[in-house]
PDB file of N, CA and C in Angstrom:
ATOM      1  N   UNK A   1       5.811 -17.262   3.046  1.00  0.00           N
ATOM      2  CA  UNK A   1       5.361 -18.403   3.815  1.00  0.00           C
ATOM      3  C   UNK A   1       4.884 -19.478   2.832  1.00  0.00           C
ATOM      4  N   UNK A   2       5.385 -20.692   3.002  1.00  0.00           N
ATOM      5  CA  UNK A   2       4.968 -21.756   2.098  1.00  0.00           C
ATOM      6  C   UNK A   2       3.672 -22.390   2.594  1.00  0.00           C
ATOM      7  N   UNK A   3       3.107 -23.311   1.782  1.00  0.00           N
ATOM      8  CA  UNK A   3       1.823 -23.931   2.122  1.00  0.00           C
ATOM      9  C   UNK A   3       1.885 -24.708   3.425  1.00  0.00           C
ATOM     10  N   UNK A   4       3.015 -25.364   3.693  1.00  0.00           N
ATOM     11  CA  UNK A   4       3.146 -26.135   4.929  1.00  0.00           C
ATOM     12  C   UNK A   4       3.121 -25.198   6.141  1.00  0.00           C
ATOM     13  N   UNK A   5       3.818 -24.065   6.059  1.00  0.00           N
ATOM     14  CA  UNK A   5       3.806 -23.103   7.155  1.00  0.00           C
ATOM     15  C   UNK A   5       2.406 -22.540   7.353  1.00  0.00           C
ATOM     16  N   UNK A   6       1.710 -22.233   6.258  1.00  0.00           N
ATOM     17  CA  UNK A   6       0.348 -21.714   6.345  1.00  0.00           C
ATOM     18  C   UNK A   6      -0.555 -22.736   7.001  1.00  0.00           C
ATOM     19  N   UNK A   7      -0.429 -24.008   6.606  1.00  0.00           N
ATOM     20  CA  UNK A   7      -1.241 -25.067   7.182  1.00  0.00           C
ATOM     21  C   UNK A   7      -1.002 -25.167   8.683  1.00  0.00           C
ATOM     22  N   UNK A   8       0.250 -25.111   9.101  1.00  0.00           N
ATOM     23  CA  UNK A   8       0.555 -25.204  10.530  1.00  0.00           C
ATOM     24  C   UNK A   8       0.004 -23.991  11.280  1.00  0.00           C
ATOM     25  N   UNK A   9       0.090 -22.823  10.685  1.00  0.00           N
ATOM     26  CA  UNK A   9      -0.425 -21.628  11.321  1.00  0.00           C
ATOM     27  C   UNK A   9      -1.937 -21.734  11.506  1.00  0.00           C
ATOM     28  N   UNK A  10      -2.649 -22.160  10.483  1.00  0.00           N
ATOM     29  CA  UNK A  10      -4.102 -22.326  10.557  1.00  0.00           C
ATOM     30  C   UNK A  10      -4.448 -23.394  11.578  1.00  0.00           C
ATOM     31  N   UNK A  11      -3.714 -24.514  11.550  1.00  0.00           N
ATOM     32  CA  UNK A  11      -3.968 -25.605  12.496  1.00  0.00           C
ATOM     33  C   UNK A  11      -3.669 -25.146  13.920  1.00  0.00           C
ATOM     34  N   UNK A  12      -2.579 -24.432  14.109  1.00  0.00           N
ATOM     35  CA  UNK A  12      -2.228 -23.936  15.446  1.00  0.00           C
ATOM     36  C   UNK A  12      -3.306 -22.987  15.973  1.00  0.00           C
ATOM     37  N   UNK A  13      -3.804 -22.101  15.119  1.00  0.00           N
ATOM     38  CA  UNK A  13      -4.848 -21.168  15.537  1.00  0.00           C
ATOM     39  C   UNK A  13      -6.130 -21.922  15.883  1.00  0.00           C
ATOM     40  N   UNK A  14      -6.466 -22.937  15.093  1.00  0.00           N
ATOM     41  CA  UNK A  14      -7.661 -23.740  15.380  1.00  0.00           C
ATOM     42  C   UNK A  14      -7.498 -24.490  16.703  1.00  0.00           C
ATOM     43  N   UNK A  15      -6.299 -24.984  16.975  1.00  0.00           N
ATOM     44  CA  UNK A  15      -6.023 -25.658  18.250  1.00  0.00           C
ATOM     45  C   UNK A  15      -6.126 -24.671  19.416  1.00  0.00           C
ATOM     46  N   UNK A  16      -5.578 -23.472  19.230  1.00  0.00           N
ATOM     47  CA  UNK A  16      -5.699 -22.439  20.265  1.00  0.00           C
ATOM     48  C   UNK A  16      -7.167 -22.125  20.531  1.00  0.00           C
ATOM     49  N   UNK A  17      -7.951 -22.046  19.458  1.00  0.00           N
ATOM     50  CA  UNK A  17      -9.382 -21.758  19.591  1.00  0.00           C
ATOM     51  C   UNK A  17     -10.073 -22.829  20.437  1.00  0.00           C
ATOM     52  N   UNK A  18      -9.761 -24.084  20.183  1.00  0.00           N
ATOM     53  CA  UNK A  18     -10.364 -25.176  20.964  1.00  0.00           C
ATOM     54  C   UNK A  18      -9.966 -25.081  22.435  1.00  0.00           C
ATOM     55  N   UNK A  19      -8.697 -24.804  22.687  1.00  0.00           N
ATOM     56  CA  UNK A  19      -8.233 -24.675  24.072  1.00  0.00           C
ATOM     57  C   UNK A  19      -8.892 -23.479  24.759  1.00  0.00           C
ATOM     58  N   UNK A  20      -8.980 -22.361  24.032  1.00  0.00           N
ATOM     59  CA  UNK A  20      -9.636 -21.171  24.575  1.00  0.00           C
ATOM     60  C   UNK A  20     -11.096 -21.460  24.903  1.00  0.00           C
ATOM     61  N   UNK A  21     -11.817 -22.095  23.987  1.00  0.00           N
ATOM     62  CA  UNK A  21     -13.241 -22.349  24.218  1.00  0.00           C
ATOM     63  C   UNK A  21     -13.465 -23.336  25.364  1.00  0.00           C
ATOM     64  N   UNK A  22     -12.417 -24.080  25.730  1.00  0.00           N
ATOM     65  CA  UNK A  22     -12.486 -24.980  26.887  1.00  0.00           C
ATOM     66  C   UNK A  22     -12.097 -24.255  28.179  1.00  0.00           C
ATOM     67  N   UNK A  23     -11.761 -22.957  28.079  1.00  0.00           N
ATOM     68  CA  UNK A  23     -11.470 -22.169  29.265  1.00  0.00           C
ATOM     69  C   UNK A  23     -10.006 -21.881  29.531  1.00  0.00           C
ATOM     70  N   UNK A  24      -9.124 -22.198  28.593  1.00  0.00           N
ATOM     71  CA  UNK A  24      -7.692 -21.968  28.754  1.00  0.00           C
ATOM     72  C   UNK A  24      -7.377 -20.486  28.507  1.00  0.00           C
ATOM     73  N   UNK A  25      -7.095 -19.752  29.592  1.00  0.00           N
ATOM     74  CA  UNK A  25      -6.840 -18.323  29.465  1.00  0.00           C
ATOM     75  C   UNK A  25      -5.552 -18.033  28.701  1.00  0.00           C
ATOM     76  N   UNK A  26      -4.563 -18.887  28.822  1.00  0.00           N
ATOM     77  CA  UNK A  26      -3.307 -18.693  28.082  1.00  0.00           C
ATOM     78  C   UNK A  26      -3.555 -18.768  26.578  1.00  0.00           C
ATOM     79  N   UNK A  27      -4.395 -19.700  26.147  1.00  0.00           N
ATOM     80  CA  UNK A  27      -4.744 -19.806  24.726  1.00  0.00           C
ATOM     81  C   UNK A  27      -5.503 -18.558  24.277  1.00  0.00           C
ATOM     82  N   UNK A  28      -6.401 -18.083  25.119  1.00  0.00           N
ATOM     83  CA  UNK A  28      -7.168 -16.854  24.841  1.00  0.00           C
ATOM     84  C   UNK A  28      -6.211 -15.672  24.654  1.00  0.00           C
ATOM     85  N   UNK A  29      -5.261 -15.522  25.556  1.00  0.00           N
ATOM     86  CA  UNK A  29      -4.286 -14.436  25.463  1.00  0.00           C
ATOM     87  C   UNK A  29      -3.435 -14.573  24.204  1.00  0.00           C
ATOM     88  N   UNK A  30      -3.092 -15.799  23.845  1.00  0.00           N
ATOM     89  CA  UNK A  30      -2.307 -16.032  22.622  1.00  0.00           C
ATOM     90  C   UNK A  30      -3.106 -15.659  21.387  1.00  0.00           C
ATOM     91  N   UNK A  31      -4.390 -15.997  21.374  1.00  0.00           N
ATOM     92  CA  UNK A  31      -5.245 -15.610  20.236  1.00  0.00           C
ATOM     93  C   UNK A  31      -5.260 -14.090  20.088  1.00  0.00           C
ATOM     94  N   UNK A  32      -5.414 -13.405  21.204  1.00  0.00           N
ATOM     95  CA  UNK A  32      -5.418 -11.943  21.170  1.00  0.00           C
ATOM     96  C   UNK A  32      -4.095 -11.425  20.618  1.00  0.00           C
ATOM     97  N   UNK A  33      -2.997 -11.895  21.202  1.00  0.00           N
ATOM     98  CA  UNK A  33      -1.663 -11.432  20.791  1.00  0.00           C
ATOM     99  C   UNK A  33      -1.399 -11.716  19.309  1.00  0.00           C
ATOM    100  N   UNK A  34      -1.824 -12.886  18.852  1.00  0.00           N
ATOM    101  CA  UNK A  34      -1.573 -13.285  17.465  1.00  0.00           C
ATOM    102  C   UNK A  34      -2.407 -12.491  16.455  1.00  0.00           C
ATOM    103  N   UNK A  35      -3.555 -11.966  16.880  1.00  0.00           N
ATOM    104  CA  UNK A  35      -4.482 -11.370  15.910  1.00  0.00           C
ATOM    105  C   UNK A  35      -4.746  -9.884  16.099  1.00  0.00           C
ATOM    106  N   UNK A  36      -4.323  -9.300  17.211  1.00  0.00           N
ATOM    107  CA  UNK A  36      -4.682  -7.915  17.493  1.00  0.00           C
ATOM    108  C   UNK A  36      -4.159  -6.951  16.428  1.00  0.00           C
ATOM    109  N   UNK A  37      -2.960  -7.148  15.940  1.00  0.00           N
ATOM    110  CA  UNK A  37      -2.413  -6.213  14.953  1.00  0.00           C
ATOM    111  C   UNK A  37      -3.199  -6.248  13.644  1.00  0.00           C
ATOM    112  N   UNK A  38      -3.500  -7.439  13.145  1.00  0.00           N
ATOM    113  CA  UNK A  38      -4.260  -7.526  11.890  1.00  0.00           C
ATOM    114  C   UNK A  38      -5.688  -7.011  12.086  1.00  0.00           C
ATOM    115  N   UNK A  39      -6.266  -7.234  13.271  1.00  0.00           N
ATOM    116  CA  UNK A  39      -7.599  -6.698  13.546  1.00  0.00           C
ATOM    117  C   UNK A  39      -7.574  -5.174  13.573  1.00  0.00           C
ATOM    118  N   UNK A  40      -6.544  -4.604  14.166  1.00  0.00           N
ATOM    119  CA  UNK A  40      -6.426  -3.152  14.204  1.00  0.00           C
ATOM    120  C   UNK A  40      -6.291  -2.572  12.793  1.00  0.00           C
ATOM    121  N   UNK A  41      -5.432  -3.158  11.989  1.00  0.00           N
ATOM    122  CA  UNK A  41      -5.256  -2.674  10.614  1.00  0.00           C
ATOM    123  C   UNK A  41      -6.550  -2.789   9.814  1.00  0.00           C
ATOM    124  N   UNK A  42      -7.239  -3.900   9.966  1.00  0.00           N
ATOM    125  CA  UNK A  42      -8.509  -4.105   9.268  1.00  0.00           C
ATOM    126  C   UNK A  42      -9.554  -3.102   9.764  1.00  0.00           C
ATOM    127  N   UNK A  43      -9.649  -2.954  11.074  1.00  0.00           N
ATOM    128  CA  UNK A  43     -10.619  -2.033  11.646  1.00  0.00           C
ATOM    129  C   UNK A  43     -10.402  -0.602  11.202  1.00  0.00           C
ATOM    130  N   UNK A  44      -9.151  -0.209  11.066  1.00  0.00           N
ATOM    131  CA  UNK A  44      -8.847   1.158  10.632  1.00  0.00           C
ATOM    132  C   UNK A  44      -9.262   1.407   9.178  1.00  0.00           C
ATOM    133  N   UNK A  45      -9.371   0.352   8.390  1.00  0.00           N
ATOM    134  CA  UNK A  45      -9.863   0.500   7.013  1.00  0.00           C
ATOM    135  C   UNK A  45     -11.368   0.759   7.018  1.00  0.00           C
ATOM    136  N   UNK A  46     -12.044   0.222   8.022  1.00  0.00           N
ATOM    137  CA  UNK A  46     -13.491   0.399   8.124  1.00  0.00           C
ATOM    138  C   UNK A  46     -13.825   1.728   8.791  1.00  0.00           C
ATOM    139  N   UNK A  47     -13.106   2.024   9.868  1.00  0.00           N
ATOM    140  CA  UNK A  47     -13.353   3.247  10.644  1.00  0.00           C
ATOM    141  C   UNK A  47     -11.996   3.822  11.045  1.00  0.00           C
ATOM    142  N   UNK A  48     -11.616   4.950  10.471  1.00  0.00           N
ATOM    143  CA  UNK A  48     -10.282   5.512  10.748  1.00  0.00           C
ATOM    144  C   UNK A  48     -10.189   6.245  12.096  1.00  0.00           C
ATOM    145  N   UNK A  49     -10.669   5.594  13.140  1.00  0.00           N
ATOM    146  CA  UNK A  49     -10.596   6.137  14.495  1.00  0.00           C
ATOM    147  C   UNK A  49      -9.939   5.060  15.363  1.00  0.00           C
ATOM    148  N   UNK A  50      -8.635   5.233  15.609  1.00  0.00           N
ATOM    149  CA  UNK A  50      -7.848   4.193  16.274  1.00  0.00           C
ATOM    150  C   UNK A  50      -8.410   3.821  17.638  1.00  0.00           C
ATOM    151  N   UNK A  51      -8.840   4.797  18.418  1.00  0.00           N
ATOM    152  CA  UNK A  51      -9.383   4.498  19.745  1.00  0.00           C
ATOM    153  C   UNK A  51     -10.668   3.691  19.659  1.00  0.00           C
ATOM    154  N   UNK A  52     -11.535   4.047  18.718  1.00  0.00           N
ATOM    155  CA  UNK A  52     -12.796   3.318  18.548  1.00  0.00           C
ATOM    156  C   UNK A  52     -12.532   1.879  18.107  1.00  0.00           C
ATOM    157  N   UNK A  53     -11.565   1.704  17.232  1.00  0.00           N
ATOM    158  CA  UNK A  53     -11.227   0.354  16.758  1.00  0.00           C
ATOM    159  C   UNK A  53     -10.634  -0.472  17.899  1.00  0.00           C
ATOM    160  N   UNK A  54      -9.740   0.133  18.673  1.00  0.00           N
ATOM    161  CA  UNK A  54      -9.163  -0.576  19.823  1.00  0.00           C
ATOM    162  C   UNK A  54     -10.262  -0.988  20.806  1.00  0.00           C
ATOM    163  N   UNK A  55     -11.215  -0.100  21.053  1.00  0.00           N
ATOM    164  CA  UNK A  55     -12.334  -0.422  21.947  1.00  0.00           C
ATOM    165  C   UNK A  55     -13.169  -1.568  21.387  1.00  0.00           C
ATOM    166  N   UNK A  56     -13.417  -1.550  20.081  1.00  0.00           N
ATOM    167  CA  UNK A  56     -14.204  -2.608  19.453  1.00  0.00           C
ATOM    168  C   UNK A  56     -13.487  -3.957  19.561  1.00  0.00           C
ATOM    169  N   UNK A  57     -12.176  -3.953  19.382  1.00  0.00           N
ATOM    170  CA  UNK A  57     -11.395  -5.190  19.501  1.00  0.00           C
ATOM    171  C   UNK A  57     -11.462  -5.702  20.941  1.00  0.00           C
ATOM    172  N   UNK A  58     -11.294  -4.798  21.895  1.00  0.00           N
ATOM    173  CA  UNK A  58     -11.372  -5.197  23.297  1.00  0.00           C
ATOM    174  C   UNK A  58     -12.761  -5.753  23.619  1.00  0.00           C
ATOM    175  N   UNK A  59     -13.803  -5.079  23.162  1.00  0.00           N
ATOM    176  CA  UNK A  59     -15.174  -5.557  23.383  1.00  0.00           C
ATOM    177  C   UNK A  59     -15.385  -6.941  22.768  1.00  0.00           C
ATOM    178  N   UNK A  60     -14.844  -7.126  21.563  1.00  0.00           N
ATOM    179  CA  UNK A  60     -14.963  -8.412  20.888  1.00  0.00           C
ATOM    180  C   UNK A  60     -14.347  -9.523  21.728  1.00  0.00           C
ATOM    181  N   UNK A  61     -13.148  -9.303  22.233  1.00  0.00           N
ATOM    182  CA  UNK A  61     -12.481 -10.353  23.004  1.00  0.00           C
ATOM    183  C   UNK A  61     -13.136 -10.583  24.367  1.00  0.00           C
ATOM    184  N   UNK A  62     -13.685  -9.549  24.963  1.00  0.00           N
ATOM    185  CA  UNK A  62     -14.427  -9.735  26.217  1.00  0.00           C
ATOM    186  C   UNK A  62     -15.668 -10.583  25.948  1.00  0.00           C
ATOM    187  N   UNK A  63     -16.395 -10.263  24.882  1.00  0.00           N
ATOM    188  CA  UNK A  63     -17.588 -11.040  24.532  1.00  0.00           C
ATOM    189  C   UNK A  63     -17.229 -12.493  24.209  1.00  0.00           C
ATOM    190  N   UNK A  64     -16.117 -12.691  23.511  1.00  0.00           N
ATOM    191  CA  UNK A  64     -15.685 -14.055  23.202  1.00  0.00           C
ATOM    192  C   UNK A  64     -15.423 -14.836  24.487  1.00  0.00           C
ATOM    193  N   UNK A  65     -14.739 -14.209  25.446  1.00  0.00           N
ATOM    194  CA  UNK A  65     -14.436 -14.906  26.696  1.00  0.00           C
ATOM    195  C   UNK A  65     -15.721 -15.283  27.432  1.00  0.00           C
ATOM    196  N   UNK A  66     -16.675 -14.354  27.467  1.00  0.00           N
ATOM    197  CA  UNK A  66     -17.920 -14.613  28.188  1.00  0.00           C
ATOM    198  C   UNK A  66     -18.792 -15.668  27.508  1.00  0.00           C
ATOM    199  N   UNK A  67     -18.634 -15.845  26.211  1.00  0.00           N
ATOM    200  CA  UNK A  67     -19.470 -16.814  25.496  1.00  0.00           C
ATOM    201  C   UNK A  67     -18.688 -18.047  25.043  1.00  0.00           C
ATOM    202  N   UNK A  68     -17.487 -18.231  25.589  1.00  0.00           N
ATOM    203  CA  UNK A  68     -16.586 -19.286  25.105  1.00  0.00           C
ATOM    204  C   UNK A  68     -17.206 -20.679  25.122  1.00  0.00           C
ATOM    205  N   UNK A  69     -18.038 -20.982  26.126  1.00  0.00           N
ATOM    206  CA  UNK A  69     -18.624 -22.323  26.222  1.00  0.00           C
ATOM    207  C   UNK A  69     -19.603 -22.602  25.090  1.00  0.00           C
ATOM    208  N   UNK A  70     -20.136 -21.560  24.468  1.00  0.00           N
ATOM    209  CA  UNK A  70     -21.129 -21.715  23.411  1.00  0.00           C
ATOM    210  C   UNK A  70     -20.540 -21.620  22.006  1.00  0.00           C
ATOM    211  N   UNK A  71     -19.248 -21.390  21.904  1.00  0.00           N
ATOM    212  CA  UNK A  71     -18.614 -21.224  20.588  1.00  0.00           C
ATOM    213  C   UNK A  71     -18.329 -22.571  19.949  1.00  0.00           C
ATOM    214  N   UNK A  72     -18.529 -22.612  18.668  1.00  0.00           N
ATOM    215  CA  UNK A  72     -18.236 -23.814  17.890  1.00  0.00           C
ATOM    216  C   UNK A  72     -16.761 -23.797  17.474  1.00  0.00           C
ATOM    217  N   UNK A  73     -16.203 -24.964  17.159  1.00  0.00           N
ATOM    218  CA  UNK A  73     -14.825 -24.980  16.638  1.00  0.00           C
ATOM    219  C   UNK A  73     -14.717 -24.143  15.360  1.00  0.00           C
ATOM    220  N   UNK A  74     -13.600 -23.481  15.203  1.00  0.00           N
ATOM    221  CA  UNK A  74     -13.353 -22.611  14.051  1.00  0.00           C
ATOM    222  C   UNK A  74     -12.048 -23.040  13.399  1.00  0.00           C
ATOM    223  N   UNK A  75     -12.073 -23.234  12.091  1.00  0.00           N
ATOM    224  CA  UNK A  75     -10.853 -23.604  11.364  1.00  0.00           C
ATOM    225  C   UNK A  75     -10.052 -22.373  10.943  1.00  0.00           C
ATOM    226  N   UNK A  76     -10.740 -21.347  10.478  1.00  0.00           N
ATOM    227  CA  UNK A  76     -10.072 -20.128  10.016  1.00  0.00           C
ATOM    228  C   UNK A  76     -10.320 -19.014  11.036  1.00  0.00           C
ATOM    229  N   UNK A  77      -9.563 -19.067  12.104  1.00  0.00           N
ATOM    230  CA  UNK A  77      -9.760 -18.155  13.230  1.00  0.00           C
ATOM    231  C   UNK A  77      -9.620 -16.702  12.793  1.00  0.00           C
ATOM    232  N   UNK A  78      -8.626 -16.386  11.990  1.00  0.00           N
ATOM    233  CA  UNK A  78      -8.414 -14.993  11.581  1.00  0.00           C
ATOM    234  C   UNK A  78      -9.624 -14.467  10.814  1.00  0.00           C
ATOM    235  N   UNK A  79     -10.192 -15.281   9.933  1.00  0.00           N
ATOM    236  CA  UNK A  79     -11.374 -14.853   9.177  1.00  0.00           C
ATOM    237  C   UNK A  79     -12.571 -14.657  10.108  1.00  0.00           C
ATOM    238  N   UNK A  80     -12.729 -15.556  11.059  1.00  0.00           N
ATOM    239  CA  UNK A  80     -13.815 -15.451  12.037  1.00  0.00           C
ATOM    240  C   UNK A  80     -13.691 -14.137  12.813  1.00  0.00           C
ATOM    241  N   UNK A  81     -12.500 -13.837  13.288  1.00  0.00           N
ATOM    242  CA  UNK A  81     -12.291 -12.632  14.087  1.00  0.00           C
ATOM    243  C   UNK A  81     -12.483 -11.360  13.256  1.00  0.00           C
ATOM    244  N   UNK A  82     -12.016 -11.365  12.016  1.00  0.00           N
ATOM    245  CA  UNK A  82     -12.194 -10.201  11.151  1.00  0.00           C
ATOM    246  C   UNK A  82     -13.674  -9.944  10.898  1.00  0.00           C
ATOM    247  N   UNK A  83     -14.411 -11.006  10.635  1.00  0.00           N
ATOM    248  CA  UNK A  83     -15.846 -10.866  10.386  1.00  0.00           C
ATOM    249  C   UNK A  83     -16.563 -10.390  11.650  1.00  0.00           C
ATOM    250  N   UNK A  84     -16.191 -10.939  12.794  1.00  0.00           N
ATOM    251  CA  UNK A  84     -16.807 -10.527  14.059  1.00  0.00           C
ATOM    252  C   UNK A  84     -16.514  -9.056  14.347  1.00  0.00           C
ATOM    253  N   UNK A  85     -15.295  -8.609  14.057  1.00  0.00           N
ATOM    254  CA  UNK A  85     -14.950  -7.204  14.273  1.00  0.00           C
ATOM    255  C   UNK A  85     -15.773  -6.318  13.352  1.00  0.00           C
ATOM    256  N   UNK A  86     -15.966  -6.748  12.142  1.00  0.00           N
ATOM    257  CA  UNK A  86     -16.751  -5.950  11.191  1.00  0.00           C
ATOM    258  C   UNK A  86     -18.162  -5.703  11.735  1.00  0.00           C
ATOM    259  N   UNK A  87     -18.746  -6.688  12.382  1.00  0.00           N
ATOM    260  CA  UNK A  87     -20.078  -6.531  12.964  1.00  0.00           C
ATOM    261  C   UNK A  87     -20.090  -5.566  14.142  1.00  0.00           C
ATOM    262  N   UNK A  88     -18.949  -5.392  14.799  1.00  0.00           N
ATOM    263  CA  UNK A  88     -18.865  -4.462  15.929  1.00  0.00           C
ATOM    264  C   UNK A  88     -18.918  -3.047  15.420  1.00  0.00           C
TER     265      UNK A  88
END
């Protein structure tokens, strides 16, 4: 992936984040779909229990949906989600 593709990916994720935080469920679902695999792989490095990691990811996204109105804009969505999962 070149720098331009990376920039568009980061920008697209940040745009999805803004739409999600405004209540767009389609953007929320896209964020989940775009990041669930990397979150699972990362979570398994922390805790090698696939079911527990899947539950933590699901809990994270439920909490995000419930607190969406209070979330600030995020530029590096993947980093934000990885860090949030680590706290779970």
